[in-house]
Amino acid sequence: MLGFLPKICFRGCAIGVMVSLFLMMSVQAEVTVFAAVSMKNALEEISQSFQEATGVEVTVSLAGSSILARQIEHGAPADLFISAHVAWMDRLAERGLIDDQSRFDLAGNSLVLIAPAGVWAPRDLDATLPLPSMLGNGPLAMALVDAVPAGMYGKAALKALGLWQSVYVRVAQTDNVRSALALVARREAPLGIVYASDVLAEPEVNVVGRFDESLHPSIVYPVALIAGQNNPDALLLLAYLRGAQAHRALRKQGFKVMAADG
């Protein structure tokens, strides 16, 4: 009877190994990305092409950069973070929450004044802009002006033009830039300030004018790995973001590519 024990043990161990291998193979490789909501359309295209090339599924959580940074601070399980403002990435770096060696500037953007389609003809955005009268009785749609990057850039631009004091009490602040875009598209706000890339995602709005880049800090989207996650598939995606296919998607959606091809 004792002679059978090693054989039985061998078969049991072999079955256990086979089950473990099956479970490992059945688990879908996945990368979780926390990204500024203005990256939505570009990341949809990039995620799809990345999955087709690697078999790795990408889950993208979109929100204002400030909200995402605070979620990461509280332990949210992200692998990568793409911010629309360097300040929020710097904040995580100061707290040791990103891998500094992985960080690079992925893309840039421009800031525009928008209106519902067909309402205003294009015009220069300078100190003579009659913004209060253009608003009529309606609000100016902007993302949160002291927290969300698009709102912060917009506030800086209006201050530089000397227009902020005349309109700040009429600003309708939203949690993210796409919500500000939606207010204008639904004609709930006669004007809004969003990124140039956002306009490509919404046919119901037109660009009234583009703010000169000297009026606000440079709009830069840094990306970095979250410290301690150790997901090898996240490294693959990070490298993919440096590649030509990702860059084509970014340009198609109105972004400026800042990272050199990897």
Protein backbone atom coordinates (compact mmCIF):
# COMPACT_ATOMS: atom_id res chain seq x y z
CA MET A 1 0.00 0.00 0.00
CA LEU A 2 2.80 2.35 0.89
CA GLY A 3 4.33 1.73 -2.52
CA PHE A 4 1.49 3.53 -4.21
CA LEU A 5 1.84 6.75 -2.23
CA PRO A 6 4.56 8.42 -4.34
CA LYS A 7 2.63 7.63 -7.51
CA ILE A 8 -0.59 9.07 -6.12
CA CYS A 9 1.25 12.16 -4.87
CA PHE A 10 2.88 12.67 -8.27
CA ARG A 11 -0.45 12.52 -10.06
CA GLY A 12 -2.02 14.95 -7.57
CA CYS A 13 0.87 17.41 -7.88
CA ALA A 14 0.78 17.20 -11.66
CA ILE A 15 -2.95 17.91 -11.70
CA GLY A 16 -2.38 20.86 -9.35
CA VAL A 17 0.30 22.29 -11.63
CA MET A 18 -1.94 21.85 -14.68
CA VAL A 19 -4.81 23.65 -12.94
CA SER A 20 -2.50 26.50 -11.91
CA LEU A 21 -1.21 26.89 -15.46
CA PHE A 22 -4.75 26.88 -16.82
CA LEU A 23 -5.79 29.60 -14.35
CA MET A 24 -2.75 31.69 -15.24
CA MET A 25 -3.49 31.40 -18.96
CA SER A 26 -7.17 32.22 -18.46
CA VAL A 27 -6.47 35.50 -16.64
CA GLN A 28 -6.59 38.36 -19.11
CA ALA A 29 -3.47 40.53 -19.06
CA GLU A 30 -4.56 44.06 -18.22
CA VAL A 31 -3.22 47.56 -17.70
CA THR A 32 -5.17 50.22 -15.81
CA VAL A 33 -4.62 53.81 -16.93
CA PHE A 34 -5.81 56.88 -15.07
CA ALA A 35 -5.98 59.69 -17.63
CA ALA A 36 -7.22 63.25 -18.04
CA VAL A 37 -10.67 63.13 -19.64
CA SER A 38 -9.48 65.26 -22.57
CA MET A 39 -7.46 62.20 -23.67
CA LYS A 40 -10.63 60.11 -24.11
CA ASN A 41 -10.81 59.77 -27.89
CA ALA A 42 -7.09 59.39 -28.42
CA LEU A 43 -6.79 56.73 -25.72
CA GLU A 44 -9.72 54.77 -27.12
CA GLU A 45 -7.88 54.44 -30.41
CA ILE A 46 -4.51 53.77 -28.79
CA SER A 47 -5.94 51.16 -26.41
CA GLN A 48 -7.60 49.29 -29.24
CA SER A 49 -4.48 49.16 -31.42
CA PHE A 50 -2.32 48.22 -28.41
CA GLN A 51 -4.62 45.34 -27.50
CA GLU A 52 -4.65 44.11 -31.09
CA ALA A 53 -0.85 44.17 -31.17
CA THR A 54 -0.19 42.62 -27.74
CA GLY A 55 -3.34 40.92 -26.48
CA VAL A 56 -3.19 43.10 -23.37
CA GLU A 57 -6.45 44.74 -22.38
CA VAL A 58 -6.34 48.42 -21.37
CA THR A 59 -8.82 49.77 -18.84
CA VAL A 60 -8.96 53.56 -18.88
CA SER A 61 -10.38 55.59 -16.01
CA LEU A 62 -11.12 59.16 -17.14
CA ALA A 63 -11.65 62.22 -14.95
CA GLY A 64 -10.12 65.57 -14.15
CA SER A 65 -6.40 65.28 -13.40
CA SER A 66 -6.89 66.61 -9.87
CA ILE A 67 -9.49 63.96 -9.06
CA LEU A 68 -7.33 61.15 -10.44
CA ALA A 69 -4.22 62.34 -8.60
CA ARG A 70 -6.11 62.37 -5.31
CA GLN A 71 -7.47 58.87 -6.01
CA ILE A 72 -3.92 57.63 -6.58
CA GLU A 73 -2.88 59.27 -3.30
CA HIS A 74 -5.57 57.23 -1.58
CA GLY A 75 -4.35 53.97 -3.10
CA ALA A 76 -6.48 53.58 -6.21
CA PRO A 77 -5.07 50.66 -8.28
CA ALA A 78 -3.68 52.43 -11.35
CA ASP A 79 -0.66 51.31 -13.38
CA LEU A 80 -0.13 54.53 -15.38
CA PHE A 81 -1.17 58.13 -14.89
CA ILE A 82 -1.56 60.68 -17.70
CA SER A 83 -2.13 64.18 -16.35
CA ALA A 84 -3.17 67.30 -18.25
CA HIS A 85 -0.98 69.44 -15.99
CA VAL A 86 2.56 68.93 -14.73
CA ALA A 87 1.58 70.20 -11.27
CA TRP A 88 -0.53 67.14 -10.48
CA MET A 89 2.21 64.78 -11.66
CA ASP A 90 4.74 66.76 -9.62
CA ARG A 91 2.50 66.39 -6.58
CA LEU A 92 2.54 62.60 -6.90
CA ALA A 93 6.29 62.65 -7.49
CA GLU A 94 6.84 64.61 -4.29
CA ARG A 95 4.91 61.93 -2.41
CA GLY A 96 6.91 59.10 -3.99
CA LEU A 97 3.85 57.75 -5.77
CA ILE A 98 5.25 57.60 -9.32
CA ASP A 99 8.31 56.01 -10.88
CA ASP A 100 10.34 59.13 -11.73
CA GLN A 101 12.53 57.25 -14.20
CA SER A 102 9.49 56.33 -16.31
CA ARG A 103 8.08 59.85 -16.58
CA PHE A 104 8.05 61.73 -19.87
CA ASP A 105 5.98 64.41 -21.62
CA LEU A 106 3.59 62.66 -23.98
CA ALA A 107 1.60 65.42 -25.67
CA GLY A 108 0.65 69.08 -25.77
CA ASN A 109 -2.57 70.94 -26.49
CA SER A 110 -4.06 74.37 -27.19
CA LEU A 111 -6.81 76.34 -25.49
CA VAL A 112 -9.83 77.65 -27.39
CA LEU A 113 -12.99 79.66 -26.86
CA ILE A 114 -16.02 77.78 -28.19
CA ALA A 115 -19.66 78.53 -28.94
CA PRO A 116 -22.60 76.45 -30.18
CA ALA A 117 -22.27 75.69 -33.88
CA GLY A 118 -23.24 78.60 -36.13
CA VAL A 119 -23.49 81.27 -33.42
CA TRP A 120 -20.22 83.23 -33.62
CA ALA A 121 -17.79 83.78 -36.46
CA PRO A 122 -14.07 83.23 -35.69
CA ARG A 123 -12.30 86.22 -34.18
CA ASP A 124 -9.05 87.17 -32.48
CA LEU A 125 -8.87 86.65 -28.74
CA ASP A 126 -7.26 89.76 -27.33
CA ALA A 127 -7.92 92.41 -24.70
CA THR A 128 -10.65 94.01 -26.84
CA LEU A 129 -12.80 90.84 -26.80
CA PRO A 130 -16.28 91.90 -25.54
CA LEU A 131 -16.70 88.70 -23.56
CA PRO A 132 -19.42 89.92 -21.13
CA SER A 133 -21.67 91.12 -23.95
CA MET A 134 -21.04 87.95 -25.96
CA LEU A 135 -22.29 85.91 -23.01
CA GLY A 136 -25.56 87.82 -22.87
CA ASN A 137 -27.42 86.41 -19.88
CA GLY A 138 -25.68 83.07 -20.00
CA PRO A 139 -22.66 81.56 -18.21
CA LEU A 140 -19.13 80.87 -19.39
CA ALA A 141 -18.52 77.11 -19.20
CA MET A 142 -15.14 76.14 -17.77
CA ALA A 143 -13.64 73.25 -15.85
CA LEU A 144 -12.89 73.98 -12.19
CA VAL A 145 -10.65 77.03 -12.39
CA ASP A 146 -8.51 76.28 -9.34
CA ALA A 147 -8.16 72.51 -9.69
CA VAL A 148 -8.79 71.10 -13.18
CA PRO A 149 -6.03 71.92 -15.70
CA ALA A 150 -8.28 73.22 -18.49
CA GLY A 151 -9.94 75.60 -16.03
CA MET A 152 -6.60 76.68 -14.58
CA TYR A 153 -5.21 77.43 -18.05
CA GLY A 154 -8.40 79.28 -19.01
CA LYS A 155 -8.35 81.43 -15.90
CA ALA A 156 -4.71 82.31 -16.53
CA ALA A 157 -5.47 83.30 -20.14
CA LEU A 158 -8.41 85.51 -19.16
CA LYS A 159 -6.35 87.16 -16.45
CA ALA A 160 -3.55 87.86 -18.93
CA LEU A 161 -6.07 89.53 -21.26
CA GLY A 162 -7.56 91.58 -18.41
CA LEU A 163 -10.95 89.88 -18.83
CA TRP A 164 -11.19 87.70 -15.73
CA GLN A 165 -12.67 90.33 -13.41
CA SER A 166 -15.50 91.04 -15.83
CA VAL A 167 -16.67 87.44 -16.12
CA TYR A 168 -15.52 85.36 -13.15
CA VAL A 169 -18.87 85.60 -11.31
CA ARG A 170 -20.54 84.16 -14.40
CA VAL A 171 -18.35 81.11 -14.81
CA ALA A 172 -20.19 77.78 -14.69
CA GLN A 173 -17.52 75.43 -13.32
CA THR A 174 -17.61 71.71 -14.12
CA ASP A 175 -15.69 68.70 -12.78
CA ASN A 176 -13.86 68.22 -16.08
CA VAL A 177 -13.36 69.82 -19.47
CA ARG A 178 -15.68 67.45 -21.35
CA SER A 179 -18.55 68.52 -19.10
CA ALA A 180 -17.84 72.15 -19.99
CA LEU A 181 -17.84 71.13 -23.66
CA ALA A 182 -21.21 69.43 -23.19
CA LEU A 183 -22.78 72.56 -21.67
CA VAL A 184 -21.96 74.52 -24.81
CA ALA A 185 -22.99 71.70 -27.15
CA ARG A 186 -26.40 71.57 -25.42
CA ARG A 187 -26.64 75.38 -25.65
CA GLU A 188 -26.86 75.66 -21.89
CA ALA A 189 -23.87 78.01 -22.03
CA PRO A 190 -23.27 80.47 -24.89
CA LEU A 191 -19.48 80.19 -24.60
CA GLY A 192 -16.91 77.88 -23.08
CA ILE A 193 -13.18 77.39 -22.76
CA VAL A 194 -11.83 73.93 -23.62
CA TYR A 195 -8.90 72.27 -25.36
CA ALA A 196 -8.59 72.34 -29.13
CA SER A 197 -8.62 68.54 -29.09
CA ASP A 198 -12.04 68.50 -27.39
CA VAL A 199 -13.68 70.31 -30.28
CA LEU A 200 -12.92 67.41 -32.63
CA ALA A 201 -15.07 65.19 -30.42
CA GLU A 202 -18.15 67.43 -30.56
CA PRO A 203 -19.75 68.53 -33.87
CA GLU A 204 -22.24 70.80 -32.11
CA VAL A 205 -19.63 73.43 -31.24
CA ASN A 206 -17.39 75.77 -33.21
CA VAL A 207 -14.12 77.46 -32.31
CA VAL A 208 -14.51 81.20 -31.85
CA GLY A 209 -10.79 81.74 -31.35
CA ARG A 210 -7.57 80.21 -30.08
CA PHE A 211 -5.78 81.68 -27.06
CA ASP A 212 -2.19 82.59 -27.72
CA GLU A 213 0.07 80.15 -25.91
CA SER A 214 1.91 83.02 -24.22
CA LEU A 215 -1.25 83.79 -22.21
CA HIS A 216 -1.09 80.65 -20.06
CA PRO A 217 1.40 78.01 -18.91
CA SER A 218 2.35 75.45 -21.55
CA ILE A 219 -0.24 72.69 -21.80
CA VAL A 220 1.71 69.49 -21.29
CA TYR A 221 0.50 65.93 -20.64
CA PRO A 222 3.11 64.01 -18.61
CA VAL A 223 2.81 60.23 -18.22
CA ALA A 224 4.42 57.96 -15.64
CA LEU A 225 4.17 54.54 -14.06
CA ILE A 226 2.68 54.39 -10.59
CA ALA A 227 5.31 53.41 -8.05
CA GLY A 228 5.22 49.85 -6.76
CA GLN A 229 2.70 48.41 -9.21
CA ASN A 230 5.27 46.23 -11.05
CA ASN A 231 2.98 45.35 -13.95
CA PRO A 232 5.18 44.30 -16.91
CA ASP A 233 2.32 45.00 -19.33
CA ALA A 234 2.31 48.61 -18.16
CA LEU A 235 5.91 48.88 -19.37
CA LEU A 236 4.77 47.61 -22.76
CA LEU A 237 2.07 50.27 -22.95
CA LEU A 238 4.48 52.98 -21.85
CA ALA A 239 6.83 52.02 -24.70
CA TYR A 240 3.87 51.87 -27.10
CA LEU A 241 2.96 55.46 -26.22
CA ARG A 242 6.35 56.50 -27.61
CA GLY A 243 5.69 54.79 -30.93
CA ALA A 244 4.47 55.96 -34.32
CA GLN A 245 1.00 54.40 -34.12
CA ALA A 246 0.19 56.10 -30.81
CA HIS A 247 1.56 59.36 -32.16
CA ARG A 248 -0.71 59.15 -35.22
CA ALA A 249 -3.72 58.72 -32.95
CA LEU A 250 -2.69 61.72 -30.84
CA ARG A 251 -2.24 63.97 -33.88
CA LYS A 252 -5.54 62.78 -35.34
CA GLN A 253 -7.30 63.91 -32.16
CA GLY A 254 -5.72 67.36 -32.19
CA PHE A 255 -2.78 66.87 -29.81
CA LYS A 256 0.81 67.92 -30.32
CA VAL A 257 3.20 65.00 -29.96
CA MET A 258 6.04 65.74 -27.56
CA ALA A 259 7.63 62.33 -26.99
CA ALA A 260 10.26 61.14 -29.46
CA ASP A 261 9.46 57.91 -31.28
CA GLY A 262 10.67 54.97 -29.22
